ModelCIF file with pLDDT and N, C-alpha, C, O atoms, coordinates in Angstrom:
data_MODEL
#
_entry.id   MODEL 
#
_entity.id                         1 
_entity.type                       polymer 
_entity.pdbx_number_of_molecules   1 
#
_entity_poly.entity_id                      1 
_entity_poly.type                           'polypeptide(L)' 
_entity_poly.nstd_linkage                   no 
_entity_poly.nstd_monomer                   no 
_entity_poly.pdbx_seq_one_letter_code       MKALAAKTTQTIGNFWNYLVLSVTRILLPLSLIVGFI 
_entity_poly.pdbx_seq_one_letter_code_can   MKALAAKTTQTIGNFWNYLVLSVTRILLPLSLIVGFI 
_entity_poly.pdbx_strand_id                 A 
#
loop_
_entity_poly_seq.entity_id 
_entity_poly_seq.num 
_entity_poly_seq.mon_id 
_entity_poly_seq.hetero 
1 1  MET n 
1 2  LYS n 
1 3  ALA n 
1 4  LEU n 
1 5  ALA n 
1 6  ALA n 
1 7  LYS n 
1 8  THR n 
1 9  THR n 
1 10 GLN n 
1 11 THR n 
1 12 ILE n 
1 13 GLY n 
1 14 ASN n 
1 15 PHE n 
1 16 TRP n 
1 17 ASN n 
1 18 TYR n 
1 19 LEU n 
1 20 VAL n 
1 21 LEU n 
1 22 SER n 
1 23 VAL n 
1 24 THR n 
1 25 ARG n 
1 26 ILE n 
1 27 LEU n 
1 28 LEU n 
1 29 PRO n 
1 30 LEU n 
1 31 SER n 
1 32 LEU n 
1 33 ILE n 
1 34 VAL n 
1 35 GLY n 
1 36 PHE n 
1 37 ILE n 
#
_struct_asym.id          A 
_struct_asym.entity_id   1 
#
loop_
_ma_qa_metric.id 
_ma_qa_metric.mode 
_ma_qa_metric.name 
_ma_qa_metric.software_group_id 
_ma_qa_metric.type 
1 global pLDDT . pLDDT 
2 local  pLDDT . pLDDT 
#
_ma_qa_metric_global.metric_id      1 
_ma_qa_metric_global.metric_value   95.41 
_ma_qa_metric_global.model_id       1 
_ma_qa_metric_global.ordinal_id     1 
#
loop_
_ma_qa_metric_local.label_asym_id 
_ma_qa_metric_local.label_comp_id 
_ma_qa_metric_local.label_seq_id 
_ma_qa_metric_local.metric_id 
_ma_qa_metric_local.metric_value 
_ma_qa_metric_local.model_id 
_ma_qa_metric_local.ordinal_id 
A MET 1  2 97.00 1 1  
A LYS 2  2 96.00 1 2  
A ALA 3  2 95.00 1 3  
A LEU 4  2 94.00 1 4  
A ALA 5  2 93.00 1 5  
A ALA 6  2 90.00 1 6  
A LYS 7  2 88.00 1 7  
A THR 8  2 90.00 1 8  
A THR 9  2 92.00 1 9  
A GLN 10 2 93.00 1 10 
A THR 11 2 94.00 1 11 
A ILE 12 2 95.00 1 12 
A GLY 13 2 95.00 1 13 
A ASN 14 2 97.00 1 14 
A PHE 15 2 97.00 1 15 
A TRP 16 2 97.00 1 16 
A ASN 17 2 97.00 1 17 
A TYR 18 2 97.00 1 18 
A LEU 19 2 97.00 1 19 
A VAL 20 2 97.00 1 20 
A LEU 21 2 97.00 1 21 
A SER 22 2 97.00 1 22 
A VAL 23 2 96.00 1 23 
A THR 24 2 96.00 1 24 
A ARG 25 2 96.00 1 25 
A ILE 26 2 97.00 1 26 
A LEU 27 2 97.00 1 27 
A LEU 28 2 96.00 1 28 
A PRO 29 2 97.00 1 29 
A LEU 30 2 97.00 1 30 
A SER 31 2 96.00 1 31 
A LEU 32 2 96.00 1 32 
A ILE 33 2 96.00 1 33 
A VAL 34 2 97.00 1 34 
A GLY 35 2 96.00 1 35 
A PHE 36 2 96.00 1 36 
A ILE 37 2 96.00 1 37 
#
loop_
_atom_site.group_PDB 
_atom_site.id 
_atom_site.type_symbol 
_atom_site.label_atom_id 
_atom_site.label_alt_id 
_atom_site.label_comp_id 
_atom_site.label_asym_id 
_atom_site.label_entity_id 
_atom_site.label_seq_id 
_atom_site.pdbx_PDB_ins_code 
_atom_site.Cartn_x 
_atom_site.Cartn_y 
_atom_site.Cartn_z 
_atom_site.occupancy 
_atom_site.B_iso_or_equiv 
_atom_site.pdbx_formal_charge 
_atom_site.auth_seq_id 
_atom_site.auth_comp_id 
_atom_site.auth_asym_id 
_atom_site.auth_atom_id 
_atom_site.pdbx_PDB_model_num 
ATOM 1   N N  . MET A 1 1  ? 97.211  93.642 97.901  1.00 97.00 ? 1  MET A N  1 
ATOM 2   C CA . MET A 1 1  ? 98.109  92.646 96.765  1.00 97.00 ? 1  MET A CA 1 
ATOM 3   C C  . MET A 1 1  ? 96.900  92.227 95.800  1.00 97.00 ? 1  MET A C  1 
ATOM 4   O O  . MET A 1 1  ? 96.979  92.278 94.572  1.00 97.00 ? 1  MET A O  1 
ATOM 5   N N  . LYS A 1 2  ? 95.698  91.779 96.562  1.00 96.00 ? 2  LYS A N  1 
ATOM 6   C CA . LYS A 1 2  ? 94.514  91.396 95.455  1.00 96.00 ? 2  LYS A CA 1 
ATOM 7   C C  . LYS A 1 2  ? 93.955  92.647 94.803  1.00 96.00 ? 2  LYS A C  1 
ATOM 8   O O  . LYS A 1 2  ? 93.396  92.534 93.713  1.00 96.00 ? 2  LYS A O  1 
ATOM 9   N N  . ALA A 1 3  ? 94.051  93.681 95.315  1.00 95.00 ? 3  ALA A N  1 
ATOM 10  C CA . ALA A 1 3  ? 93.496  94.658 94.811  1.00 95.00 ? 3  ALA A CA 1 
ATOM 11  C C  . ALA A 1 3  ? 94.143  94.966 93.468  1.00 95.00 ? 3  ALA A C  1 
ATOM 12  O O  . ALA A 1 3  ? 93.520  95.273 92.451  1.00 95.00 ? 3  ALA A O  1 
ATOM 13  N N  . LEU A 1 4  ? 95.937  94.808 93.620  1.00 94.00 ? 4  LEU A N  1 
ATOM 14  C CA . LEU A 1 4  ? 96.530  95.535 92.604  1.00 94.00 ? 4  LEU A CA 1 
ATOM 15  C C  . LEU A 1 4  ? 96.585  94.445 91.283  1.00 94.00 ? 4  LEU A C  1 
ATOM 16  O O  . LEU A 1 4  ? 96.687  94.760 90.097  1.00 94.00 ? 4  LEU A O  1 
ATOM 17  N N  . ALA A 1 5  ? 96.494  93.175 91.809  1.00 93.00 ? 5  ALA A N  1 
ATOM 18  C CA . ALA A 1 5  ? 96.471  91.691 91.233  1.00 93.00 ? 5  ALA A CA 1 
ATOM 19  C C  . ALA A 1 5  ? 95.593  92.048 90.182  1.00 93.00 ? 5  ALA A C  1 
ATOM 20  O O  . ALA A 1 5  ? 95.985  91.709 89.065  1.00 93.00 ? 5  ALA A O  1 
ATOM 21  N N  . ALA A 1 6  ? 94.397  92.704 90.247  1.00 90.00 ? 6  ALA A N  1 
ATOM 22  C CA . ALA A 1 6  ? 93.034  92.532 89.590  1.00 90.00 ? 6  ALA A CA 1 
ATOM 23  C C  . ALA A 1 6  ? 93.330  93.519 88.442  1.00 90.00 ? 6  ALA A C  1 
ATOM 24  O O  . ALA A 1 6  ? 94.256  94.295 88.675  1.00 90.00 ? 6  ALA A O  1 
ATOM 25  N N  . LYS A 1 7  ? 92.677  93.642 87.169  1.00 88.00 ? 7  LYS A N  1 
ATOM 26  C CA . LYS A 1 7  ? 92.779  94.450 85.966  1.00 88.00 ? 7  LYS A CA 1 
ATOM 27  C C  . LYS A 1 7  ? 91.824  95.465 86.492  1.00 88.00 ? 7  LYS A C  1 
ATOM 28  O O  . LYS A 1 7  ? 92.042  96.676 86.510  1.00 88.00 ? 7  LYS A O  1 
ATOM 29  N N  . THR A 1 8  ? 90.858  94.930 86.875  1.00 90.00 ? 8  THR A N  1 
ATOM 30  C CA . THR A 1 8  ? 89.471  96.294 87.379  1.00 90.00 ? 8  THR A CA 1 
ATOM 31  C C  . THR A 1 8  ? 88.597  95.144 88.300  1.00 90.00 ? 8  THR A C  1 
ATOM 32  O O  . THR A 1 8  ? 88.313  93.996 87.959  1.00 90.00 ? 8  THR A O  1 
ATOM 33  N N  . THR A 1 9  ? 88.341  95.686 89.296  1.00 92.00 ? 9  THR A N  1 
ATOM 34  C CA . THR A 1 9  ? 87.839  95.159 90.508  1.00 92.00 ? 9  THR A CA 1 
ATOM 35  C C  . THR A 1 9  ? 86.997  96.443 91.472  1.00 92.00 ? 9  THR A C  1 
ATOM 36  O O  . THR A 1 9  ? 87.410  97.588 91.655  1.00 92.00 ? 9  THR A O  1 
ATOM 37  N N  . GLN A 1 10 ? 85.918  95.929 91.910  1.00 93.00 ? 10 GLN A N  1 
ATOM 38  C CA . GLN A 1 10 ? 85.271  96.404 93.239  1.00 93.00 ? 10 GLN A CA 1 
ATOM 39  C C  . GLN A 1 10 ? 85.542  95.952 94.347  1.00 93.00 ? 10 GLN A C  1 
ATOM 40  O O  . GLN A 1 10 ? 85.010  96.494 95.316  1.00 93.00 ? 10 GLN A O  1 
ATOM 41  N N  . THR A 1 11 ? 86.417  94.866 94.548  1.00 94.00 ? 11 THR A N  1 
ATOM 42  C CA . THR A 1 11 ? 86.661  94.405 95.834  1.00 94.00 ? 11 THR A CA 1 
ATOM 43  C C  . THR A 1 11 ? 88.177  94.073 95.986  1.00 94.00 ? 11 THR A C  1 
ATOM 44  O O  . THR A 1 11 ? 89.010  94.084 95.079  1.00 94.00 ? 11 THR A O  1 
ATOM 45  N N  . ILE A 1 12 ? 88.388  93.762 97.349  1.00 95.00 ? 12 ILE A N  1 
ATOM 46  C CA . ILE A 1 12 ? 89.998  93.504 97.404  1.00 95.00 ? 12 ILE A CA 1 
ATOM 47  C C  . ILE A 1 12 ? 90.020  92.792 98.679  1.00 95.00 ? 12 ILE A C  1 
ATOM 48  O O  . ILE A 1 12 ? 90.706  93.115 99.649  1.00 95.00 ? 12 ILE A O  1 
ATOM 49  N N  . GLY A 1 13 ? 88.798  91.277 98.569  1.00 95.00 ? 13 GLY A N  1 
ATOM 50  C CA . GLY A 1 13 ? 89.414  89.878 99.370  1.00 95.00 ? 13 GLY A CA 1 
ATOM 51  C C  . GLY A 1 13 ? 88.455  90.353 100.917 1.00 95.00 ? 13 GLY A C  1 
ATOM 52  O O  . GLY A 1 13 ? 87.889  91.439 100.794 1.00 95.00 ? 13 GLY A O  1 
ATOM 53  N N  . ASN A 1 14 ? 88.326  89.907 101.783 1.00 97.00 ? 14 ASN A N  1 
ATOM 54  C CA . ASN A 1 14 ? 87.463  89.563 102.919 1.00 97.00 ? 14 ASN A CA 1 
ATOM 55  C C  . ASN A 1 14 ? 88.789  89.593 104.073 1.00 97.00 ? 14 ASN A C  1 
ATOM 56  O O  . ASN A 1 14 ? 89.601  88.685 104.252 1.00 97.00 ? 14 ASN A O  1 
ATOM 57  N N  . PHE A 1 15 ? 88.719  91.174 104.914 1.00 97.00 ? 15 PHE A N  1 
ATOM 58  C CA . PHE A 1 15 ? 89.364  91.364 106.000 1.00 97.00 ? 15 PHE A CA 1 
ATOM 59  C C  . PHE A 1 15 ? 89.691  90.394 106.525 1.00 97.00 ? 15 PHE A C  1 
ATOM 60  O O  . PHE A 1 15 ? 90.826  89.942 106.372 1.00 97.00 ? 15 PHE A O  1 
ATOM 61  N N  . TRP A 1 16 ? 88.492  89.636 107.524 1.00 97.00 ? 16 TRP A N  1 
ATOM 62  C CA . TRP A 1 16 ? 88.232  88.713 108.364 1.00 97.00 ? 16 TRP A CA 1 
ATOM 63  C C  . TRP A 1 16 ? 89.224  87.660 107.967 1.00 97.00 ? 16 TRP A C  1 
ATOM 64  O O  . TRP A 1 16 ? 90.156  87.463 108.747 1.00 97.00 ? 16 TRP A O  1 
ATOM 65  N N  . ASN A 1 17 ? 89.129  86.712 106.483 1.00 97.00 ? 17 ASN A N  1 
ATOM 66  C CA . ASN A 1 17 ? 89.528  85.778 105.750 1.00 97.00 ? 17 ASN A CA 1 
ATOM 67  C C  . ASN A 1 17 ? 91.347  86.052 106.121 1.00 97.00 ? 17 ASN A C  1 
ATOM 68  O O  . ASN A 1 17 ? 92.149  85.289 106.658 1.00 97.00 ? 17 ASN A O  1 
ATOM 69  N N  . TYR A 1 18 ? 91.484  87.099 105.717 1.00 97.00 ? 18 TYR A N  1 
ATOM 70  C CA . TYR A 1 18 ? 93.025  87.566 105.742 1.00 97.00 ? 18 TYR A CA 1 
ATOM 71  C C  . TYR A 1 18 ? 93.743  87.597 107.221 1.00 97.00 ? 18 TYR A C  1 
ATOM 72  O O  . TYR A 1 18 ? 94.943  87.445 107.451 1.00 97.00 ? 18 TYR A O  1 
ATOM 73  N N  . LEU A 1 19 ? 92.733  87.823 108.113 1.00 97.00 ? 19 LEU A N  1 
ATOM 74  C CA . LEU A 1 19 ? 93.484  88.147 109.351 1.00 97.00 ? 19 LEU A CA 1 
ATOM 75  C C  . LEU A 1 19 ? 93.559  86.790 109.987 1.00 97.00 ? 19 LEU A C  1 
ATOM 76  O O  . LEU A 1 19 ? 94.542  86.404 110.620 1.00 97.00 ? 19 LEU A O  1 
ATOM 77  N N  . VAL A 1 20 ? 92.661  86.209 109.823 1.00 97.00 ? 20 VAL A N  1 
ATOM 78  C CA . VAL A 1 20 ? 92.838  84.427 110.684 1.00 97.00 ? 20 VAL A CA 1 
ATOM 79  C C  . VAL A 1 20 ? 94.001  83.857 110.098 1.00 97.00 ? 20 VAL A C  1 
ATOM 80  O O  . VAL A 1 20 ? 94.853  83.308 110.796 1.00 97.00 ? 20 VAL A O  1 
ATOM 81  N N  . LEU A 1 21 ? 94.116  83.971 108.573 1.00 97.00 ? 21 LEU A N  1 
ATOM 82  C CA . LEU A 1 21 ? 95.315  83.291 107.697 1.00 97.00 ? 21 LEU A CA 1 
ATOM 83  C C  . LEU A 1 21 ? 96.777  84.025 108.312 1.00 97.00 ? 21 LEU A C  1 
ATOM 84  O O  . LEU A 1 21 ? 97.924  83.579 108.352 1.00 97.00 ? 21 LEU A O  1 
ATOM 85  N N  . SER A 1 22 ? 96.382  84.935 108.627 1.00 97.00 ? 22 SER A N  1 
ATOM 86  C CA . SER A 1 22 ? 97.778  85.407 108.825 1.00 97.00 ? 22 SER A CA 1 
ATOM 87  C C  . SER A 1 22 ? 98.217  84.994 110.397 1.00 97.00 ? 22 SER A C  1 
ATOM 88  O O  . SER A 1 22 ? 99.313  84.580 110.775 1.00 97.00 ? 22 SER A O  1 
ATOM 89  N N  . VAL A 1 23 ? 97.258  85.190 111.019 1.00 96.00 ? 23 VAL A N  1 
ATOM 90  C CA . VAL A 1 23 ? 97.368  83.941 112.626 1.00 96.00 ? 23 VAL A CA 1 
ATOM 91  C C  . VAL A 1 23 ? 97.772  82.553 112.466 1.00 96.00 ? 23 VAL A C  1 
ATOM 92  O O  . VAL A 1 23 ? 98.721  82.058 113.073 1.00 96.00 ? 23 VAL A O  1 
ATOM 93  N N  . THR A 1 24 ? 97.081  81.975 111.693 1.00 96.00 ? 24 THR A N  1 
ATOM 94  C CA . THR A 1 24 ? 97.347  80.519 111.858 1.00 96.00 ? 24 THR A CA 1 
ATOM 95  C C  . THR A 1 24 ? 98.065  80.022 110.978 1.00 96.00 ? 24 THR A C  1 
ATOM 96  O O  . THR A 1 24 ? 98.811  79.135 111.392 1.00 96.00 ? 24 THR A O  1 
ATOM 97  N N  . ARG A 1 25 ? 98.133  80.288 109.775 1.00 96.00 ? 25 ARG A N  1 
ATOM 98  C CA . ARG A 1 25 ? 99.152  80.157 108.780 1.00 96.00 ? 25 ARG A CA 1 
ATOM 99  C C  . ARG A 1 25 ? 100.583 80.344 108.831 1.00 96.00 ? 25 ARG A C  1 
ATOM 100 O O  . ARG A 1 25 ? 101.413 79.554 108.380 1.00 96.00 ? 25 ARG A O  1 
ATOM 101 N N  . ILE A 1 26 ? 100.827 81.476 109.429 1.00 97.00 ? 26 ILE A N  1 
ATOM 102 C CA . ILE A 1 26 ? 102.041 82.384 109.126 1.00 97.00 ? 26 ILE A CA 1 
ATOM 103 C C  . ILE A 1 26 ? 102.457 82.391 110.831 1.00 97.00 ? 26 ILE A C  1 
ATOM 104 O O  . ILE A 1 26 ? 103.257 81.612 111.350 1.00 97.00 ? 26 ILE A O  1 
ATOM 105 N N  . LEU A 1 27 ? 101.661 83.525 111.564 1.00 97.00 ? 27 LEU A N  1 
ATOM 106 C CA . LEU A 1 27 ? 102.247 83.959 112.776 1.00 97.00 ? 27 LEU A CA 1 
ATOM 107 C C  . LEU A 1 27 ? 102.397 82.523 113.723 1.00 97.00 ? 27 LEU A C  1 
ATOM 108 O O  . LEU A 1 27 ? 103.486 82.047 114.044 1.00 97.00 ? 27 LEU A O  1 
ATOM 109 N N  . LEU A 1 28 ? 101.214 82.009 114.054 1.00 96.00 ? 28 LEU A N  1 
ATOM 110 C CA . LEU A 1 28 ? 101.446 80.682 114.897 1.00 96.00 ? 28 LEU A CA 1 
ATOM 111 C C  . LEU A 1 28 ? 102.533 79.969 114.982 1.00 96.00 ? 28 LEU A C  1 
ATOM 112 O O  . LEU A 1 28 ? 103.246 79.894 115.982 1.00 96.00 ? 28 LEU A O  1 
ATOM 113 N N  . PRO A 1 29 ? 102.749 79.276 113.674 1.00 97.00 ? 29 PRO A N  1 
ATOM 114 C CA . PRO A 1 29 ? 103.268 78.231 113.181 1.00 97.00 ? 29 PRO A CA 1 
ATOM 115 C C  . PRO A 1 29 ? 104.962 78.712 113.607 1.00 97.00 ? 29 PRO A C  1 
ATOM 116 O O  . PRO A 1 29 ? 105.710 78.078 114.351 1.00 97.00 ? 29 PRO A O  1 
ATOM 117 N N  . LEU A 1 30 ? 105.234 79.838 112.986 1.00 97.00 ? 30 LEU A N  1 
ATOM 118 C CA . LEU A 1 30 ? 106.405 80.412 113.570 1.00 97.00 ? 30 LEU A CA 1 
ATOM 119 C C  . LEU A 1 30 ? 106.839 80.760 114.398 1.00 97.00 ? 30 LEU A C  1 
ATOM 120 O O  . LEU A 1 30 ? 108.065 80.756 114.509 1.00 97.00 ? 30 LEU A O  1 
ATOM 121 N N  . SER A 1 31 ? 106.041 81.210 115.337 1.00 96.00 ? 31 SER A N  1 
ATOM 122 C CA . SER A 1 31 ? 106.123 81.628 117.025 1.00 96.00 ? 31 SER A CA 1 
ATOM 123 C C  . SER A 1 31 ? 106.312 79.929 117.572 1.00 96.00 ? 31 SER A C  1 
ATOM 124 O O  . SER A 1 31 ? 107.232 79.817 118.382 1.00 96.00 ? 31 SER A O  1 
ATOM 125 N N  . LEU A 1 32 ? 105.829 79.070 117.357 1.00 96.00 ? 32 LEU A N  1 
ATOM 126 C CA . LEU A 1 32 ? 105.818 78.019 118.003 1.00 96.00 ? 32 LEU A CA 1 
ATOM 127 C C  . LEU A 1 32 ? 107.549 76.969 117.439 1.00 96.00 ? 32 LEU A C  1 
ATOM 128 O O  . LEU A 1 32 ? 107.988 76.008 118.070 1.00 96.00 ? 32 LEU A O  1 
ATOM 129 N N  . ILE A 1 33 ? 108.036 77.423 116.445 1.00 96.00 ? 33 ILE A N  1 
ATOM 130 C CA . ILE A 1 33 ? 109.040 77.075 116.461 1.00 96.00 ? 33 ILE A CA 1 
ATOM 131 C C  . ILE A 1 33 ? 110.201 77.951 117.316 1.00 96.00 ? 33 ILE A C  1 
ATOM 132 O O  . ILE A 1 33 ? 111.058 77.488 118.069 1.00 96.00 ? 33 ILE A O  1 
ATOM 133 N N  . VAL A 1 34 ? 109.987 79.199 117.003 1.00 97.00 ? 34 VAL A N  1 
ATOM 134 C CA . VAL A 1 34 ? 111.149 79.917 117.696 1.00 97.00 ? 34 VAL A CA 1 
ATOM 135 C C  . VAL A 1 34 ? 110.731 80.046 119.107 1.00 97.00 ? 34 VAL A C  1 
ATOM 136 O O  . VAL A 1 34 ? 111.631 80.382 119.876 1.00 97.00 ? 34 VAL A O  1 
ATOM 137 N N  . GLY A 1 35 ? 109.540 79.849 119.622 1.00 96.00 ? 35 GLY A N  1 
ATOM 138 C CA . GLY A 1 35 ? 109.336 79.419 121.253 1.00 96.00 ? 35 GLY A CA 1 
ATOM 139 C C  . GLY A 1 35 ? 109.962 77.907 121.719 1.00 96.00 ? 35 GLY A C  1 
ATOM 140 O O  . GLY A 1 35 ? 110.246 77.800 122.912 1.00 96.00 ? 35 GLY A O  1 
ATOM 141 N N  . PHE A 1 36 ? 110.202 76.676 120.791 1.00 96.00 ? 36 PHE A N  1 
ATOM 142 C CA . PHE A 1 36 ? 110.880 75.816 121.306 1.00 96.00 ? 36 PHE A CA 1 
ATOM 143 C C  . PHE A 1 36 ? 112.380 76.219 121.605 1.00 96.00 ? 36 PHE A C  1 
ATOM 144 O O  . PHE A 1 36 ? 113.083 75.967 122.584 1.00 96.00 ? 36 PHE A O  1 
ATOM 145 N N  . ILE A 1 37 ? 112.624 76.875 120.532 1.00 96.00 ? 37 ILE A N  1 
ATOM 146 C CA . ILE A 1 37 ? 114.253 77.279 120.391 1.00 96.00 ? 37 ILE A CA 1 
ATOM 147 C C  . ILE A 1 37 ? 114.324 77.892 121.890 1.00 96.00 ? 37 ILE A C  1 
ATOM 148 O O  . ILE A 1 37 ? 115.380 78.359 122.316 1.00 96.00 ? 37 ILE A O  1 
#
């Protein structure tokens, strides 16, 4: 998405940053809600 959003770029973001954010901001919070139910 970062690559396609840019007009012209040599970089596409930081894999480690996206990896951690995917867990802490998306997967873990949703898992806690479902787990409680």
